[in-house]
């Protein structure tokens, strides 16, 4: 039961954070090139870790 309560609280926290991020992104001017580079870099790092087994 305690795990269920902790999970529900964690899910509510995540939902709140997502709502706050969406609200802040609506009016912001974002450098999408930088965001895309960052996401690509992280994906590449995970892929290389998977392929090579290092890291």
PDB file of N, CA and C in Angstrom:
ATOM      1  N   UNK A   1       0.821  -1.195   0.000  1.00  0.00           N
ATOM      2  CA  UNK A   1       0.000   0.000   0.000  1.00  0.00           C
ATOM      3  C   UNK A   1       0.866   1.260   0.000  1.00  0.00           C
ATOM      4  N   UNK A   2       1.967   1.194   0.755  1.00  0.00           N
ATOM      5  CA  UNK A   2       2.855   2.351   0.811  1.00  0.00           C
ATOM      6  C   UNK A   2       3.489   2.582  -0.560  1.00  0.00           C
ATOM      7  N   UNK A   3       3.825   1.484  -1.274  1.00  0.00           N
ATOM      8  CA  UNK A   3       4.391   1.630  -2.612  1.00  0.00           C
ATOM      9  C   UNK A   3       3.397   2.302  -3.554  1.00  0.00           C
ATOM     10  N   UNK A   4       2.134   1.940  -3.429  1.00  0.00           N
ATOM     11  CA  UNK A   4       1.105   2.536  -4.279  1.00  0.00           C
ATOM     12  C   UNK A   4       0.989   4.034  -4.010  1.00  0.00           C
ATOM     13  N   UNK A   5       0.996   4.422  -2.757  1.00  0.00           N
ATOM     14  CA  UNK A   5       0.913   5.837  -2.396  1.00  0.00           C
ATOM     15  C   UNK A   5       2.137   6.584  -2.918  1.00  0.00           C
ATOM     16  N   UNK A   6       3.307   5.987  -2.769  1.00  0.00           N
ATOM     17  CA  UNK A   6       4.528   6.627  -3.263  1.00  0.00           C
ATOM     18  C   UNK A   6       4.492   6.747  -4.787  1.00  0.00           C
ATOM     19  N   UNK A   7       4.006   5.725  -5.471  1.00  0.00           N
ATOM     20  CA  UNK A   7       3.923   5.779  -6.926  1.00  0.00           C
ATOM     21  C   UNK A   7       2.953   6.852  -7.392  1.00  0.00           C
ATOM     22  N   UNK A   8       1.797   6.954  -6.737  1.00  0.00           N
ATOM     23  CA  UNK A   8       0.805   7.967  -7.107  1.00  0.00           C
ATOM     24  C   UNK A   8       1.365   9.363  -6.857  1.00  0.00           C
ATOM     25  N   UNK A   9       2.061   9.560  -5.745  1.00  0.00           N
ATOM     26  CA  UNK A   9       2.666  10.857  -5.456  1.00  0.00           C
ATOM     27  C   UNK A   9       3.738  11.199  -6.491  1.00  0.00           C
ATOM     28  N   UNK A  10       4.530  10.211  -6.879  1.00  0.00           N
ATOM     29  CA  UNK A  10       5.567  10.432  -7.884  1.00  0.00           C
ATOM     30  C   UNK A  10       4.938  10.760  -9.235  1.00  0.00           C
ATOM     31  N   UNK A  11       3.875  10.057  -9.603  1.00  0.00           N
ATOM     32  CA  UNK A  11       3.198  10.317 -10.872  1.00  0.00           C
ATOM     33  C   UNK A  11       2.584  11.719 -10.878  1.00  0.00           C
ATOM     34  N   UNK A  12       2.013  12.138  -9.763  1.00  0.00           N
ATOM     35  CA  UNK A  12       1.448  13.486  -9.665  1.00  0.00           C
ATOM     36  C   UNK A  12       2.547  14.540  -9.793  1.00  0.00           C
ATOM     37  N   UNK A  13       3.689  14.292  -9.192  1.00  0.00           N
ATOM     38  CA  UNK A  13       4.813  15.216  -9.286  1.00  0.00           C
ATOM     39  C   UNK A  13       5.305  15.328 -10.731  1.00  0.00           C
ATOM     40  N   UNK A  14       5.426  14.214 -11.403  1.00  0.00           N
ATOM     41  CA  UNK A  14       5.861  14.218 -12.799  1.00  0.00           C
ATOM     42  C   UNK A  14       4.856  14.969 -13.670  1.00  0.00           C
ATOM     43  N   UNK A  15       3.564  14.731 -13.452  1.00  0.00           N
ATOM     44  CA  UNK A  15       2.531  15.428 -14.221  1.00  0.00           C
ATOM     45  C   UNK A  15       2.617  16.935 -13.990  1.00  0.00           C
ATOM     46  N   UNK A  16       2.832  17.352 -12.758  1.00  0.00           N
ATOM     47  CA  UNK A  16       2.937  18.775 -12.430  1.00  0.00           C
ATOM     48  C   UNK A  16       4.138  19.393 -13.135  1.00  0.00           C
ATOM     49  N   UNK A  17       5.274  18.681 -13.121  1.00  0.00           N
ATOM     50  CA  UNK A  17       6.484  19.185 -13.779  1.00  0.00           C
ATOM     51  C   UNK A  17       6.250  19.320 -15.285  1.00  0.00           C
ATOM     52  N   UNK A  18       5.594  18.341 -15.891  1.00  0.00           N
ATOM     53  CA  UNK A  18       5.314  18.410 -17.329  1.00  0.00           C
ATOM     54  C   UNK A  18       4.424  19.604 -17.642  1.00  0.00           C
ATOM     55  N   UNK A  19       3.413  19.838 -16.830  1.00  0.00           N
ATOM     56  CA  UNK A  19       2.519  20.980 -17.050  1.00  0.00           C
ATOM     57  C   UNK A  19       3.298  22.290 -16.935  1.00  0.00           C
ATOM     58  N   UNK A  20       4.166  22.394 -15.963  1.00  0.00           N
ATOM     59  CA  UNK A  20       4.955  23.614 -15.796  1.00  0.00           C
ATOM     60  C   UNK A  20       5.892  23.833 -16.989  1.00  0.00           C
ATOM     61  N   UNK A  21       6.490  22.765 -17.487  1.00  0.00           N
ATOM     62  CA  UNK A  21       7.388  22.894 -18.640  1.00  0.00           C
ATOM     63  C   UNK A  21       6.612  23.332 -19.868  1.00  0.00           C
ATOM     64  N   UNK A  22       5.441  22.734 -20.097  1.00  0.00           N
ATOM     65  CA  UNK A  22       4.630  23.110 -21.260  1.00  0.00           C
ATOM     66  C   UNK A  22       4.204  24.571 -21.162  1.00  0.00           C
ATOM     67  N   UNK A  23       3.826  25.013 -19.987  1.00  0.00           N
ATOM     68  CA  UNK A  23       3.434  26.418 -19.810  1.00  0.00           C
ATOM     69  C   UNK A  23       4.593  27.360 -20.103  1.00  0.00           C
ATOM     70  N   UNK A  24       5.776  27.002 -19.656  1.00  0.00           N
ATOM     71  CA  UNK A  24       6.927  27.888 -19.875  1.00  0.00           C
ATOM     72  C   UNK A  24       7.387  27.865 -21.329  1.00  0.00           C
ATOM     73  N   UNK A  25       7.168  26.760 -22.033  1.00  0.00           N
ATOM     74  CA  UNK A  25       7.607  26.667 -23.423  1.00  0.00           C
ATOM     75  C   UNK A  25       6.691  27.423 -24.380  1.00  0.00           C
ATOM     76  N   UNK A  26       5.471  27.664 -23.989  1.00  0.00           N
ATOM     77  CA  UNK A  26       4.522  28.327 -24.890  1.00  0.00           C
ATOM     78  C   UNK A  26       5.004  29.703 -25.318  1.00  0.00           C
ATOM     79  N   UNK A  27       5.500  30.494 -24.381  1.00  0.00           N
ATOM     80  CA  UNK A  27       5.900  31.857 -24.705  1.00  0.00           C
ATOM     81  C   UNK A  27       7.383  32.042 -24.923  1.00  0.00           C
ATOM     82  N   UNK A  28       8.145  30.969 -24.807  1.00  0.00           N
ATOM     83  CA  UNK A  28       9.599  31.105 -24.900  1.00  0.00           C
ATOM     84  C   UNK A  28      10.074  30.956 -26.339  1.00  0.00           C
ATOM     85  N   UNK A  29      11.140  31.673 -26.631  1.00  0.00           N
ATOM     86  CA  UNK A  29      11.794  31.485 -27.924  1.00  0.00           C
ATOM     87  C   UNK A  29      12.921  30.482 -27.696  1.00  0.00           C
ATOM     88  N   UNK A  30      12.835  29.350 -28.389  1.00  0.00           N
ATOM     89  CA  UNK A  30      13.737  28.239 -28.133  1.00  0.00           C
ATOM     90  C   UNK A  30      14.626  28.013 -29.345  1.00  0.00           C
ATOM     91  N   UNK A  31      15.900  27.768 -29.090  1.00  0.00           N
ATOM     92  CA  UNK A  31      16.834  27.397 -30.143  1.00  0.00           C
ATOM     93  C   UNK A  31      16.685  25.893 -30.380  1.00  0.00           C
ATOM     94  N   UNK A  32      15.836  25.527 -31.348  1.00  0.00           N
ATOM     95  CA  UNK A  32      15.536  24.123 -31.576  1.00  0.00           C
ATOM     96  C   UNK A  32      16.744  23.373 -32.119  1.00  0.00           C
ATOM     97  N   UNK A  33      17.675  24.060 -32.751  1.00  0.00           N
ATOM     98  CA  UNK A  33      18.892  23.397 -33.223  1.00  0.00           C
ATOM     99  C   UNK A  33      19.691  22.872 -32.038  1.00  0.00           C
ATOM    100  N   UNK A  34      19.813  23.676 -31.004  1.00  0.00           N
ATOM    101  CA  UNK A  34      20.528  23.247 -29.810  1.00  0.00           C
ATOM    102  C   UNK A  34      19.829  22.111 -29.091  1.00  0.00           C
ATOM    103  N   UNK A  35      18.516  22.183 -29.013  1.00  0.00           N
ATOM    104  CA  UNK A  35      17.743  21.115 -28.363  1.00  0.00           C
ATOM    105  C   UNK A  35      17.905  19.813 -29.139  1.00  0.00           C
ATOM    106  N   UNK A  36      17.815  19.898 -30.458  1.00  0.00           N
ATOM    107  CA  UNK A  36      17.963  18.705 -31.289  1.00  0.00           C
ATOM    108  C   UNK A  36      19.361  18.111 -31.154  1.00  0.00           C
ATOM    109  N   UNK A  37      20.378  18.959 -31.105  1.00  0.00           N
ATOM    110  CA  UNK A  37      21.746  18.474 -30.926  1.00  0.00           C
ATOM    111  C   UNK A  37      21.895  17.765 -29.587  1.00  0.00           C
ATOM    112  N   UNK A  38      21.332  18.340 -28.541  1.00  0.00           N
ATOM    113  CA  UNK A  38      21.437  17.744 -27.214  1.00  0.00           C
ATOM    114  C   UNK A  38      20.770  16.368 -27.183  1.00  0.00           C
ATOM    115  N   UNK A  39      19.567  16.270 -27.744  1.00  0.00           N
ATOM    116  CA  UNK A  39      18.849  14.990 -27.752  1.00  0.00           C
ATOM    117  C   UNK A  39      19.615  13.968 -28.589  1.00  0.00           C
ATOM    118  N   UNK A  40      20.118  14.399 -29.746  1.00  0.00           N
ATOM    119  CA  UNK A  40      20.899  13.494 -30.585  1.00  0.00           C
ATOM    120  C   UNK A  40      22.160  13.009 -29.900  1.00  0.00           C
ATOM    121  N   UNK A  41      22.813  13.874 -29.158  1.00  0.00           N
ATOM    122  CA  UNK A  41      24.023  13.496 -28.440  1.00  0.00           C
ATOM    123  C   UNK A  41      23.728  12.428 -27.387  1.00  0.00           C
ATOM    124  N   UNK A  42      22.648  12.599 -26.658  1.00  0.00           N
ATOM    125  CA  UNK A  42      22.270  11.627 -25.628  1.00  0.00           C
ATOM    126  C   UNK A  42      21.897  10.293 -26.271  1.00  0.00           C
ATOM    127  N   UNK A  43      21.123  10.334 -27.363  1.00  0.00           N
ATOM    128  CA  UNK A  43      20.748   9.101 -28.056  1.00  0.00           C
ATOM    129  C   UNK A  43      21.989   8.393 -28.585  1.00  0.00           C
ATOM    130  N   UNK A  44      22.908   9.146 -29.172  1.00  0.00           N
ATOM    131  CA  UNK A  44      24.149   8.554 -29.671  1.00  0.00           C
ATOM    132  C   UNK A  44      24.951   7.918 -28.543  1.00  0.00           C
ATOM    133  N   UNK A  45      25.012   8.554 -27.399  1.00  0.00           N
ATOM    134  CA  UNK A  45      25.752   8.002 -26.260  1.00  0.00           C
ATOM    135  C   UNK A  45      25.142   6.675 -25.804  1.00  0.00           C
ATOM    136  N   UNK A  46      23.810   6.616 -25.706  1.00  0.00           N
ATOM    137  CA  UNK A  46      23.169   5.359 -25.309  1.00  0.00           C
ATOM    138  C   UNK A  46      23.362   4.274 -26.360  1.00  0.00           C
ATOM    139  N   UNK A  47      23.287   4.642 -27.647  1.00  0.00           N
ATOM    140  CA  UNK A  47      23.465   3.665 -28.716  1.00  0.00           C
ATOM    141  C   UNK A  47      24.886   3.107 -28.700  1.00  0.00           C
ATOM    142  N   UNK A  48      25.872   3.999 -28.548  1.00  0.00           N
ATOM    143  CA  UNK A  48      27.257   3.534 -28.497  1.00  0.00           C
ATOM    144  C   UNK A  48      27.505   2.654 -27.277  1.00  0.00           C
ATOM    145  N   UNK A  49      26.861   2.977 -26.172  1.00  0.00           N
ATOM    146  CA  UNK A  49      26.999   2.138 -24.983  1.00  0.00           C
ATOM    147  C   UNK A  49      26.415   0.766 -25.237  1.00  0.00           C
ATOM    148  N   UNK A  50      25.284   0.729 -25.941  1.00  0.00           N
ATOM    149  CA  UNK A  50      24.656  -0.542 -26.251  1.00  0.00           C
ATOM    150  C   UNK A  50      25.507  -1.368 -27.221  1.00  0.00           C
ATOM    151  N   UNK A  51      26.046  -0.722 -28.222  1.00  0.00           N
ATOM    152  CA  UNK A  51      26.811  -1.429 -29.255  1.00  0.00           C
ATOM    153  C   UNK A  51      28.156  -1.925 -28.724  1.00  0.00           C
ATOM    154  N   UNK A  52      28.863  -1.051 -27.988  1.00  0.00           N
ATOM    155  CA  UNK A  52      30.220  -1.407 -27.556  1.00  0.00           C
ATOM    156  C   UNK A  52      30.236  -2.119 -26.213  1.00  0.00           C
ATOM    157  N   UNK A  53      29.209  -1.924 -25.404  1.00  0.00           N
ATOM    158  CA  UNK A  53      29.209  -2.545 -24.082  1.00  0.00           C
ATOM    159  C   UNK A  53      30.068  -1.811 -23.073  1.00  0.00           C
ATOM    160  N   UNK A  54      30.545  -0.626 -23.427  1.00  0.00           N
ATOM    161  CA  UNK A  54      31.371   0.163 -22.523  1.00  0.00           C
ATOM    162  C   UNK A  54      30.572   1.363 -22.026  1.00  0.00           C
ATOM    163  N   UNK A  55      30.910   1.826 -20.826  1.00  0.00           N
ATOM    164  CA  UNK A  55      30.286   3.034 -20.334  1.00  0.00           C
ATOM    165  C   UNK A  55      29.346   2.835 -19.301  1.00  0.00           C
TER     166      UNK A  55
END
